Amino acid sequence: ILPDKGSMEQLHHLLQVIAEQGLIDGLAAFGRLGFDTLLVLLLGGILM
């Protein structure tokens, strides 16, 4: 439904940031990713 929000590539990028730059930068990246990911999961959960 929301193809431009919270893609698997974004999740993969987040994991790379955590692995390469550390947990603090990873948490900052997750903060940017968090709302979109939650929105996608919430919409999918409601529709399911």
All heavy atoms as atom14 arrays in JSON, in Angstrom:
{
  "sequence": "ILPDKGSMEQLHHLLQVIAEQGLIDGLAAFGRLGFDTLLVLLLGGILM",
  "atom14_mask": [
    [1, 1, 1, 1, 1, 1, 1, 1, 0, 0, 0, 0, 0, 0],
    [1, 1, 1, 1, 1, 1, 1, 1, 0, 0, 0, 0, 0, 0],
    [1, 1, 1, 1, 1, 1, 1, 0, 0, 0, 0, 0, 0, 0],
    [1, 1, 1, 1, 1, 1, 1, 1, 0, 0, 0, 0, 0, 0],
    [1, 1, 1, 1, 1, 1, 1, 1, 1, 0, 0, 0, 0, 0],
    [1, 1, 1, 1, 0, 0, 0, 0, 0, 0, 0, 0, 0, 0],
    [1, 1, 1, 1, 1, 1, 0, 0, 0, 0, 0, 0, 0, 0],
    [1, 1, 1, 1, 1, 1, 1, 1, 0, 0, 0, 0, 0, 0],
    [1, 1, 1, 1, 1, 1, 1, 1, 1, 0, 0, 0, 0, 0],
    [1, 1, 1, 1, 1, 1, 1, 1, 1, 0, 0, 0, 0, 0],
    [1, 1, 1, 1, 1, 1, 1, 1, 0, 0, 0, 0, 0, 0],
    [1, 1, 1, 1, 1, 1, 1, 1, 1, 1, 0, 0, 0, 0],
    [1, 1, 1, 1, 1, 1, 1, 1, 1, 1, 0, 0, 0, 0],
    [1, 1, 1, 1, 1, 1, 1, 1, 0, 0, 0, 0, 0, 0],
    [1, 1, 1, 1, 1, 1, 1, 1, 0, 0, 0, 0, 0, 0],
    [1, 1, 1, 1, 1, 1, 1, 1, 1, 0, 0, 0, 0, 0],
    [1, 1, 1, 1, 1, 1, 1, 0, 0, 0, 0, 0, 0, 0],
    [1, 1, 1, 1, 1, 1, 1, 1, 0, 0, 0, 0, 0, 0],
    [1, 1, 1, 1, 1, 0, 0, 0, 0, 0, 0, 0, 0, 0],
    [1, 1, 1, 1, 1, 1, 1, 1, 1, 0, 0, 0, 0, 0],
    [1, 1, 1, 1, 1, 1, 1, 1, 1, 0, 0, 0, 0, 0],
    [1, 1, 1, 1, 0, 0, 0, 0, 0, 0, 0, 0, 0, 0],
    [1, 1, 1, 1, 1, 1, 1, 1, 0, 0, 0, 0, 0, 0],
    [1, 1, 1, 1, 1, 1, 1, 1, 0, 0, 0, 0, 0, 0],
    [1, 1, 1, 1, 1, 1, 1, 1, 0, 0, 0, 0, 0, 0],
    [1, 1, 1, 1, 0, 0, 0, 0, 0, 0, 0, 0, 0, 0],
    [1, 1, 1, 1, 1, 1, 1, 1, 0, 0, 0, 0, 0, 0],
    [1, 1, 1, 1, 1, 0, 0, 0, 0, 0, 0, 0, 0, 0],
    [1, 1, 1, 1, 1, 0, 0, 0, 0, 0, 0, 0, 0, 0],
    [1, 1, 1, 1, 1, 1, 1, 1, 1, 1, 1, 0, 0, 0],
    [1, 1, 1, 1, 0, 0, 0, 0, 0, 0, 0, 0, 0, 0],
    [1, 1, 1, 1, 1, 1, 1, 1, 1, 1, 1, 0, 0, 0],
    [1, 1, 1, 1, 1, 1, 1, 1, 0, 0, 0, 0, 0, 0],
    [1, 1, 1, 1, 0, 0, 0, 0, 0, 0, 0, 0, 0, 0],
    [1, 1, 1, 1, 1, 1, 1, 1, 1, 1, 1, 0, 0, 0],
    [1, 1, 1, 1, 1, 1, 1, 1, 0, 0, 0, 0, 0, 0],
    [1, 1, 1, 1, 1, 1, 1, 0, 0, 0, 0, 0, 0, 0],
    [1, 1, 1, 1, 1, 1, 1, 1, 0, 0, 0, 0, 0, 0],
    [1, 1, 1, 1, 1, 1, 1, 1, 0, 0, 0, 0, 0, 0],
    [1, 1, 1, 1, 1, 1, 1, 0, 0, 0, 0, 0, 0, 0],
    [1, 1, 1, 1, 1, 1, 1, 1, 0, 0, 0, 0, 0, 0],
    [1, 1, 1, 1, 1, 1, 1, 1, 0, 0, 0, 0, 0, 0],
    [1, 1, 1, 1, 1, 1, 1, 1, 0, 0, 0, 0, 0, 0],
    [1, 1, 1, 1, 0, 0, 0, 0, 0, 0, 0, 0, 0, 0],
    [1, 1, 1, 1, 0, 0, 0, 0, 0, 0, 0, 0, 0, 0],
    [1, 1, 1, 1, 1, 1, 1, 1, 0, 0, 0, 0, 0, 0],
    [1, 1, 1, 1, 1, 1, 1, 1, 0, 0, 0, 0, 0, 0],
    [1, 1, 1, 1, 1, 1, 1, 1, 0, 0, 0, 0, 0, 0]
  ],
  "atom14_positions": [
    [[0.83, -1.21, 0.0], [0.0, 0.0, 0.0], [0.86, 1.26, 0.0], [0.57, 2.23, -0.68], [-0.94, 0.01, 1.23], [-1.8, -1.25, 1.27], [-1.8, 1.26, 1.25], [-2.75, -1.42, 0.12], [0.0, 0.0, 0.0], [0.0, 0.0, 0.0], [0.0, 0.0, 0.0], [0.0, 0.0, 0.0], [0.0, 0.0, 0.0], [0.0, 0.0, 0.0]],
    [[1.93, 1.23, 0.78], [2.86, 2.37, 0.88], [4.25, 1.93, 0.4], [5.15, 1.74, 1.21], [2.94, 2.85, 2.33], [1.66, 3.35, 2.98], [1.87, 3.6, 4.46], [1.18, 4.62, 2.3], [0.0, 0.0, 0.0], [0.0, 0.0, 0.0], [0.0, 0.0, 0.0], [0.0, 0.0, 0.0], [0.0, 0.0, 0.0], [0.0, 0.0, 0.0]],
    [[4.44, 1.8, -0.91], [5.72, 1.25, -1.39], [6.92, 2.16, -1.15], [8.05, 1.68, -1.08], [5.48, 1.06, -2.89], [4.35, 1.96, -3.24], [3.53, 2.11, -1.99], [0.0, 0.0, 0.0], [0.0, 0.0, 0.0], [0.0, 0.0, 0.0], [0.0, 0.0, 0.0], [0.0, 0.0, 0.0], [0.0, 0.0, 0.0], [0.0, 0.0, 0.0]],
    [[6.71, 3.44, -0.98], [7.84, 4.35, -0.79], [8.21, 4.54, 0.68], [9.14, 5.26, 1.0], [7.53, 5.7, -1.42], [6.27, 6.34, -0.85], [5.41, 5.59, -0.36], [6.16, 7.58, -0.9], [0.0, 0.0, 0.0], [0.0, 0.0, 0.0], [0.0, 0.0, 0.0], [0.0, 0.0, 0.0], [0.0, 0.0, 0.0], [0.0, 0.0, 0.0]],
    [[7.5, 3.89, 1.58], [7.77, 4.02, 3.01], [8.38, 2.74, 3.55], [7.91, 1.65, 3.29], [6.46, 4.28, 3.78], [5.72, 5.5, 3.35], [6.18, 6.66, 4.12], [5.3, 7.86, 3.77], [5.87, 9.09, 4.17], [0.0, 0.0, 0.0], [0.0, 0.0, 0.0], [0.0, 0.0, 0.0], [0.0, 0.0, 0.0], [0.0, 0.0, 0.0]],
    [[9.42, 2.85, 4.3], [9.98, 1.73, 5.04], [10.27, 0.48, 4.22], [9.77, -0.58, 4.55], [0.0, 0.0, 0.0], [0.0, 0.0, 0.0], [0.0, 0.0, 0.0], [0.0, 0.0, 0.0], [0.0, 0.0, 0.0], [0.0, 0.0, 0.0], [0.0, 0.0, 0.0], [0.0, 0.0, 0.0], [0.0, 0.0, 0.0], [0.0, 0.0, 0.0]],
    [[11.08, 0.59, 3.2], [11.36, -0.58, 2.36], [12.39, -1.49, 3.02], [13.07, -1.12, 3.97], [11.88, -0.13, 1.0], [13.15, 0.45, 1.13], [0.0, 0.0, 0.0], [0.0, 0.0, 0.0], [0.0, 0.0, 0.0], [0.0, 0.0, 0.0], [0.0, 0.0, 0.0], [0.0, 0.0, 0.0], [0.0, 0.0, 0.0], [0.0, 0.0, 0.0]],
    [[12.52, -2.69, 2.48], [13.51, -3.65, 2.98], [14.92, -3.1, 2.78], [15.8, -3.38, 3.57], [13.37, -4.99, 2.26], [12.23, -5.82, 2.75], [12.58, -6.4, 4.42], [11.4, -7.7, 4.55], [0.0, 0.0, 0.0], [0.0, 0.0, 0.0], [0.0, 0.0, 0.0], [0.0, 0.0, 0.0], [0.0, 0.0, 0.0], [0.0, 0.0, 0.0]],
    [[15.1, -2.34, 1.73], [16.41, -1.74, 1.49], [16.77, -0.77, 2.62], [17.93, -0.68, 3.02], [16.45, -1.02, 0.13], [16.39, -1.94, -1.07], [14.98, -2.43, -1.38], [14.0, -1.74, -1.01], [14.87, -3.5, -1.97], [0.0, 0.0, 0.0], [0.0, 0.0, 0.0], [0.0, 0.0, 0.0], [0.0, 0.0, 0.0], [0.0, 0.0, 0.0]],
    [[15.77, -0.04, 3.11], [16.02, 0.87, 4.23], [16.42, 0.08, 5.48], [17.32, 0.5, 6.21], [14.77, 1.71, 4.52], [14.5, 2.76, 3.47], [13.2, 3.49, 3.73], [12.21, 2.88, 4.11], [13.21, 4.79, 3.52], [0.0, 0.0, 0.0], [0.0, 0.0, 0.0], [0.0, 0.0, 0.0], [0.0, 0.0, 0.0], [0.0, 0.0, 0.0]],
    [[15.76, -1.03, 5.71], [16.14, -1.86, 6.85], [17.55, -2.41, 6.68], [18.33, -2.44, 7.63], [15.15, -3.01, 7.03], [13.79, -2.65, 7.58], [12.88, -3.86, 7.6], [13.89, -2.05, 8.97], [0.0, 0.0, 0.0], [0.0, 0.0, 0.0], [0.0, 0.0, 0.0], [0.0, 0.0, 0.0], [0.0, 0.0, 0.0], [0.0, 0.0, 0.0]],
    [[17.88, -2.85, 5.47], [19.22, -3.36, 5.2], [20.26, -2.25, 5.4], [21.32, -2.48, 5.98], [19.28, -3.91, 3.77], [20.6, -4.5, 3.42], [21.07, -5.65, 4.01], [21.57, -4.07, 2.56], [22.27, -5.92, 3.52], [22.59, -4.98, 2.64], [0.0, 0.0, 0.0], [0.0, 0.0, 0.0], [0.0, 0.0, 0.0], [0.0, 0.0, 0.0]],
    [[19.94, -1.03, 4.95], [20.84, 0.11, 5.14], [21.05, 0.39, 6.63], [22.17, 0.68, 7.07], [20.29, 1.35, 4.43], [21.08, 2.58, 4.7], [22.34, 2.79, 4.19], [20.79, 3.67, 5.46], [22.8, 3.96, 4.61], [21.87, 4.52, 5.38], [0.0, 0.0, 0.0], [0.0, 0.0, 0.0], [0.0, 0.0, 0.0], [0.0, 0.0, 0.0]],
    [[19.99, 0.31, 7.39], [20.08, 0.53, 8.84], [21.05, -0.47, 9.47], [21.91, -0.09, 10.28], [18.71, 0.41, 9.49], [18.69, 0.42, 11.02], [19.11, 1.76, 11.56], [17.32, 0.04, 11.53], [0.0, 0.0, 0.0], [0.0, 0.0, 0.0], [0.0, 0.0, 0.0], [0.0, 0.0, 0.0], [0.0, 0.0, 0.0], [0.0, 0.0, 0.0]],
    [[20.94, -1.73, 9.09], [21.84, -2.75, 9.64], [23.28, -2.48, 9.24], [24.2, -2.7, 10.02], [21.39, -4.14, 9.19], [20.04, -4.59, 9.76], [19.63, -5.92, 9.14], [20.08, -4.69, 11.26], [0.0, 0.0, 0.0], [0.0, 0.0, 0.0], [0.0, 0.0, 0.0], [0.0, 0.0, 0.0], [0.0, 0.0, 0.0], [0.0, 0.0, 0.0]],
    [[23.5, -2.0, 8.02], [24.85, -1.65, 7.59], [25.4, -0.48, 8.39], [26.57, -0.48, 8.76], [24.87, -1.3, 6.09], [24.84, -2.49, 5.19], [24.91, -2.08, 3.73], [24.43, -1.01, 3.36], [25.49, -2.94, 2.92], [0.0, 0.0, 0.0], [0.0, 0.0, 0.0], [0.0, 0.0, 0.0], [0.0, 0.0, 0.0], [0.0, 0.0, 0.0]],
    [[24.57, 0.53, 8.66], [25.0, 1.69, 9.45], [25.42, 1.25, 10.84], [26.45, 1.66, 11.37], [23.89, 2.77, 9.52], [24.2, 3.83, 10.56], [23.68, 3.41, 8.16], [0.0, 0.0, 0.0], [0.0, 0.0, 0.0], [0.0, 0.0, 0.0], [0.0, 0.0, 0.0], [0.0, 0.0, 0.0], [0.0, 0.0, 0.0], [0.0, 0.0, 0.0]],
    [[24.63, 0.37, 11.44], [24.96, -0.13, 12.78], [26.27, -0.9, 12.74], [27.13, -0.73, 13.61], [23.81, -1.0, 13.34], [22.59, -0.13, 13.62], [24.24, -1.74, 14.59], [21.34, -0.89, 14.0], [0.0, 0.0, 0.0], [0.0, 0.0, 0.0], [0.0, 0.0, 0.0], [0.0, 0.0, 0.0], [0.0, 0.0, 0.0], [0.0, 0.0, 0.0]],
    [[26.46, -1.74, 11.72], [27.67, -2.55, 11.63], [28.91, -1.7, 11.36], [29.97, -1.93, 11.94], [27.51, -3.62, 10.55], [0.0, 0.0, 0.0], [0.0, 0.0, 0.0], [0.0, 0.0, 0.0], [0.0, 0.0, 0.0], [0.0, 0.0, 0.0], [0.0, 0.0, 0.0], [0.0, 0.0, 0.0], [0.0, 0.0, 0.0], [0.0, 0.0, 0.0]],
    [[28.78, -0.72, 10.49], [29.95, 0.06, 10.07], [30.24, 1.25, 10.97], [31.39, 1.56, 11.25], [29.75, 0.55, 8.63], [29.74, -0.58, 7.62], [29.33, -0.1, 6.23], [29.12, 1.12, 6.05], [29.2, -0.96, 5.34], [0.0, 0.0, 0.0], [0.0, 0.0, 0.0], [0.0, 0.0, 0.0], [0.0, 0.0, 0.0], [0.0, 0.0, 0.0]],
    [[29.21, 1.96, 11.43], [29.43, 3.21, 12.14], [29.14, 3.12, 13.64], [29.39, 4.06, 14.37], [28.57, 4.32, 11.52], [28.94, 4.59, 10.07], [28.03, 5.62, 9.43], [27.18, 6.21, 10.08], [28.2, 5.81, 8.14], [0.0, 0.0, 0.0], [0.0, 0.0, 0.0], [0.0, 0.0, 0.0], [0.0, 0.0, 0.0], [0.0, 0.0, 0.0]],
    [[28.57, 2.05, 14.08], [28.33, 1.89, 15.51], [26.87, 2.05, 15.89], [26.03, 2.48, 15.1], [0.0, 0.0, 0.0], [0.0, 0.0, 0.0], [0.0, 0.0, 0.0], [0.0, 0.0, 0.0], [0.0, 0.0, 0.0], [0.0, 0.0, 0.0], [0.0, 0.0, 0.0], [0.0, 0.0, 0.0], [0.0, 0.0, 0.0], [0.0, 0.0, 0.0]],
    [[26.61, 1.73, 17.13], [25.23, 1.71, 17.63], [24.62, 3.1, 17.72], [23.44, 3.28, 17.4], [25.2, 1.02, 19.0], [23.83, 0.8, 19.61], [22.98, -0.07, 18.7], [23.94, 0.2, 20.98], [0.0, 0.0, 0.0], [0.0, 0.0, 0.0], [0.0, 0.0, 0.0], [0.0, 0.0, 0.0], [0.0, 0.0, 0.0], [0.0, 0.0, 0.0]],
    [[25.4, 4.1, 18.11], [24.84, 5.45, 18.27], [24.35, 5.98, 16.92], [23.22, 6.49, 16.83], [25.89, 6.42, 18.88], [26.38, 5.9, 20.24], [25.33, 7.83, 18.99], [25.29, 5.8, 21.29], [0.0, 0.0, 0.0], [0.0, 0.0, 0.0], [0.0, 0.0, 0.0], [0.0, 0.0, 0.0], [0.0, 0.0, 0.0], [0.0, 0.0, 0.0]],
    [[25.17, 5.86, 15.88], [24.73, 6.29, 14.55], [23.58, 5.42, 14.06], [22.69, 5.89, 13.35], [25.9, 6.24, 13.56], [26.95, 7.31, 13.85], [26.57, 8.36, 14.41], [28.13, 7.08, 13.52], [0.0, 0.0, 0.0], [0.0, 0.0, 0.0], [0.0, 0.0, 0.0], [0.0, 0.0, 0.0], [0.0, 0.0, 0.0], [0.0, 0.0, 0.0]],
    [[23.62, 4.14, 14.42], [22.53, 3.24, 14.03], [21.22, 3.64, 14.68], [20.17, 3.57, 14.04], [0.0, 0.0, 0.0], [0.0, 0.0, 0.0], [0.0, 0.0, 0.0], [0.0, 0.0, 0.0], [0.0, 0.0, 0.0], [0.0, 0.0, 0.0], [0.0, 0.0, 0.0], [0.0, 0.0, 0.0], [0.0, 0.0, 0.0], [0.0, 0.0, 0.0]],
    [[21.26, 4.04, 15.96], [20.04, 4.49, 16.62], [19.5, 5.77, 15.99], [18.29, 5.95, 15.86], [20.29, 4.71, 18.12], [20.45, 3.43, 18.94], [20.82, 3.78, 20.38], [19.2, 2.59, 18.9], [0.0, 0.0, 0.0], [0.0, 0.0, 0.0], [0.0, 0.0, 0.0], [0.0, 0.0, 0.0], [0.0, 0.0, 0.0], [0.0, 0.0, 0.0]],
    [[20.41, 6.65, 15.58], [19.98, 7.87, 14.88], [19.33, 7.5, 13.55], [18.3, 8.07, 13.18], [21.17, 8.79, 14.66], [0.0, 0.0, 0.0], [0.0, 0.0, 0.0], [0.0, 0.0, 0.0], [0.0, 0.0, 0.0], [0.0, 0.0, 0.0], [0.0, 0.0, 0.0], [0.0, 0.0, 0.0], [0.0, 0.0, 0.0], [0.0, 0.0, 0.0]],
    [[19.91, 6.54, 12.83], [19.32, 6.09, 11.56], [17.97, 5.42, 11.81], [17.03, 5.59, 11.03], [20.27, 5.13, 10.85], [0.0, 0.0, 0.0], [0.0, 0.0, 0.0], [0.0, 0.0, 0.0], [0.0, 0.0, 0.0], [0.0, 0.0, 0.0], [0.0, 0.0, 0.0], [0.0, 0.0, 0.0], [0.0, 0.0, 0.0], [0.0, 0.0, 0.0]],
    [[17.85, 4.66, 12.9], [16.58, 4.02, 13.23], [15.53, 5.07, 13.56], [14.36, 4.9, 13.22], [16.75, 3.06, 14.39], [15.49, 2.31, 14.72], [15.07, 1.27, 13.91], [14.71, 2.66, 15.81], [13.9, 0.58, 14.18], [13.54, 1.98, 16.09], [13.14, 0.94, 15.28], [0.0, 0.0, 0.0], [0.0, 0.0, 0.0], [0.0, 0.0, 0.0]],
    [[15.92, 6.14, 14.22], [14.99, 7.22, 14.52], [14.41, 7.83, 13.26], [13.24, 8.18, 13.2], [0.0, 0.0, 0.0], [0.0, 0.0, 0.0], [0.0, 0.0, 0.0], [0.0, 0.0, 0.0], [0.0, 0.0, 0.0], [0.0, 0.0, 0.0], [0.0, 0.0, 0.0], [0.0, 0.0, 0.0], [0.0, 0.0, 0.0], [0.0, 0.0, 0.0]],
    [[15.23, 7.93, 12.23], [14.75, 8.44, 10.95], [13.87, 7.41, 10.25], [12.96, 7.73, 9.53], [15.91, 8.84, 10.05], [16.68, 10.06, 10.55], [17.68, 10.53, 9.52], [18.7, 9.53, 9.2], [19.83, 9.35, 9.88], [20.08, 10.1, 10.93], [20.7, 8.44, 9.52], [0.0, 0.0, 0.0], [0.0, 0.0, 0.0], [0.0, 0.0, 0.0]],
    [[14.19, 6.15, 10.44], [13.47, 5.07, 9.8], [12.23, 4.67, 10.58], [11.26, 4.2, 10.0], [14.4, 3.85, 9.68], [13.86, 2.57, 9.11], [13.61, 2.73, 7.63], [14.83, 1.45, 9.36], [0.0, 0.0, 0.0], [0.0, 0.0, 0.0], [0.0, 0.0, 0.0], [0.0, 0.0, 0.0], [0.0, 0.0, 0.0], [0.0, 0.0, 0.0]],
    [[12.22, 4.91, 11.86], [11.21, 4.38, 12.75], [9.77, 4.67, 12.39], [8.95, 3.77, 12.36], [0.0, 0.0, 0.0], [0.0, 0.0, 0.0], [0.0, 0.0, 0.0], [0.0, 0.0, 0.0], [0.0, 0.0, 0.0], [0.0, 0.0, 0.0], [0.0, 0.0, 0.0], [0.0, 0.0, 0.0], [0.0, 0.0, 0.0], [0.0, 0.0, 0.0]],
    [[9.42, 5.92, 12.12], [8.03, 6.26, 11.86], [7.52, 5.59, 10.59], [6.41, 5.07, 10.56], [7.85, 7.78, 11.78], [6.42, 8.17, 11.55], [5.48, 8.07, 12.56], [6.0, 8.6, 10.3], [4.15, 8.4, 12.34], [4.68, 8.93, 10.06], [3.76, 8.84, 11.09], [0.0, 0.0, 0.0], [0.0, 0.0, 0.0], [0.0, 0.0, 0.0]],
    [[8.32, 5.63, 9.53], [7.9, 5.01, 8.28], [7.7, 3.51, 8.46], [6.73, 2.93, 7.97], [8.93, 5.26, 7.17], [8.91, 6.69, 6.68], [7.94, 7.42, 7.0], [9.86, 7.09, 5.99], [0.0, 0.0, 0.0], [0.0, 0.0, 0.0], [0.0, 0.0, 0.0], [0.0, 0.0, 0.0], [0.0, 0.0, 0.0], [0.0, 0.0, 0.0]],
    [[8.63, 2.87, 9.14], [8.53, 1.43, 9.37], [7.3, 1.11, 10.21], [6.55, 0.18, 9.9], [9.8, 0.91, 10.06], [10.92, 1.23, 9.26], [9.74, -0.58, 10.29], [0.0, 0.0, 0.0], [0.0, 0.0, 0.0], [0.0, 0.0, 0.0], [0.0, 0.0, 0.0], [0.0, 0.0, 0.0], [0.0, 0.0, 0.0], [0.0, 0.0, 0.0]],
    [[7.09, 1.87, 11.26], [5.92, 1.65, 12.11], [4.63, 1.89, 11.33], [3.66, 1.14, 11.48], [5.97, 2.54, 13.35], [4.83, 2.34, 14.34], [4.82, 0.92, 14.87], [4.93, 3.33, 15.47], [0.0, 0.0, 0.0], [0.0, 0.0, 0.0], [0.0, 0.0, 0.0], [0.0, 0.0, 0.0], [0.0, 0.0, 0.0], [0.0, 0.0, 0.0]],
    [[4.62, 2.91, 10.48], [3.45, 3.2, 9.67], [3.12, 2.05, 8.73], [1.97, 1.64, 8.6], [3.67, 4.49, 8.87], [2.49, 5.0, 8.05], [1.34, 5.38, 8.98], [2.92, 6.19, 7.22], [0.0, 0.0, 0.0], [0.0, 0.0, 0.0], [0.0, 0.0, 0.0], [0.0, 0.0, 0.0], [0.0, 0.0, 0.0], [0.0, 0.0, 0.0]],
    [[4.14, 1.49, 8.08], [3.94, 0.35, 7.17], [3.41, -0.85, 7.96], [2.45, -1.5, 7.54], [5.25, 0.01, 6.43], [5.16, -1.32, 5.73], [5.61, 1.11, 5.44], [0.0, 0.0, 0.0], [0.0, 0.0, 0.0], [0.0, 0.0, 0.0], [0.0, 0.0, 0.0], [0.0, 0.0, 0.0], [0.0, 0.0, 0.0], [0.0, 0.0, 0.0]],
    [[4.03, -1.16, 9.1], [3.59, -2.3, 9.91], [2.18, -2.08, 10.47], [1.37, -3.01, 10.5], [4.56, -2.55, 11.05], [5.85, -3.26, 10.7], [6.8, -3.25, 11.88], [5.59, -4.67, 10.24], [0.0, 0.0, 0.0], [0.0, 0.0, 0.0], [0.0, 0.0, 0.0], [0.0, 0.0, 0.0], [0.0, 0.0, 0.0], [0.0, 0.0, 0.0]],
    [[1.9, -0.88, 10.9], [0.59, -0.57, 11.47], [-0.5, -0.69, 10.4], [-1.55, -1.3, 10.64], [0.6, 0.82, 12.09], [-0.58, 1.19, 12.98], [-0.69, 0.23, 14.14], [-0.41, 2.61, 13.48], [0.0, 0.0, 0.0], [0.0, 0.0, 0.0], [0.0, 0.0, 0.0], [0.0, 0.0, 0.0], [0.0, 0.0, 0.0], [0.0, 0.0, 0.0]],
    [[-0.26, -0.13, 9.23], [-1.24, -0.23, 8.16], [-1.44, -1.69, 7.75], [-2.58, -2.14, 7.58], [-0.79, 0.6, 6.94], [-1.75, 0.57, 5.76], [-3.09, 1.17, 6.14], [-1.13, 1.31, 4.58], [0.0, 0.0, 0.0], [0.0, 0.0, 0.0], [0.0, 0.0, 0.0], [0.0, 0.0, 0.0], [0.0, 0.0, 0.0], [0.0, 0.0, 0.0]],
    [[-0.36, -2.43, 7.61], [-0.47, -3.85, 7.28], [-1.21, -4.62, 8.36], [-2.03, -5.49, 8.06], [0.0, 0.0, 0.0], [0.0, 0.0, 0.0], [0.0, 0.0, 0.0], [0.0, 0.0, 0.0], [0.0, 0.0, 0.0], [0.0, 0.0, 0.0], [0.0, 0.0, 0.0], [0.0, 0.0, 0.0], [0.0, 0.0, 0.0], [0.0, 0.0, 0.0]],
    [[-0.93, -4.31, 9.62], [-1.62, -4.97, 10.73], [-3.1, -4.66, 10.75], [-3.93, -5.54, 11.01], [0.0, 0.0, 0.0], [0.0, 0.0, 0.0], [0.0, 0.0, 0.0], [0.0, 0.0, 0.0], [0.0, 0.0, 0.0], [0.0, 0.0, 0.0], [0.0, 0.0, 0.0], [0.0, 0.0, 0.0], [0.0, 0.0, 0.0], [0.0, 0.0, 0.0]],
    [[-3.46, -3.42, 10.46], [-4.88, -3.04, 10.42], [-5.58, -3.76, 9.28], [-6.66, -4.32, 9.45], [-5.04, -1.51, 10.29], [-4.61, -0.83, 11.6], [-6.45, -1.12, 9.92], [-4.5, 0.68, 11.52], [0.0, 0.0, 0.0], [0.0, 0.0, 0.0], [0.0, 0.0, 0.0], [0.0, 0.0, 0.0], [0.0, 0.0, 0.0], [0.0, 0.0, 0.0]],
    [[-4.95, -3.74, 8.09], [-5.56, -4.39, 6.93], [-5.65, -5.91, 7.1], [-6.53, -6.55, 6.53], [-4.79, -4.05, 5.66], [-4.88, -2.58, 5.24], [-4.0, -2.31, 4.04], [-6.32, -2.19, 4.95], [0.0, 0.0, 0.0], [0.0, 0.0, 0.0], [0.0, 0.0, 0.0], [0.0, 0.0, 0.0], [0.0, 0.0, 0.0], [0.0, 0.0, 0.0]],
    [[-4.77, -6.47, 7.87], [-4.82, -7.9, 8.16], [-5.78, -8.17, 9.32], [-6.49, -9.18, 9.34], [-3.41, -8.39, 8.51], [-3.25, -9.86, 8.59], [-1.52, -10.38, 8.68], [-0.95, -9.58, 10.16], [0.0, 0.0, 0.0], [0.0, 0.0, 0.0], [0.0, 0.0, 0.0], [0.0, 0.0, 0.0], [0.0, 0.0, 0.0], [0.0, 0.0, 0.0]]
  ]
}
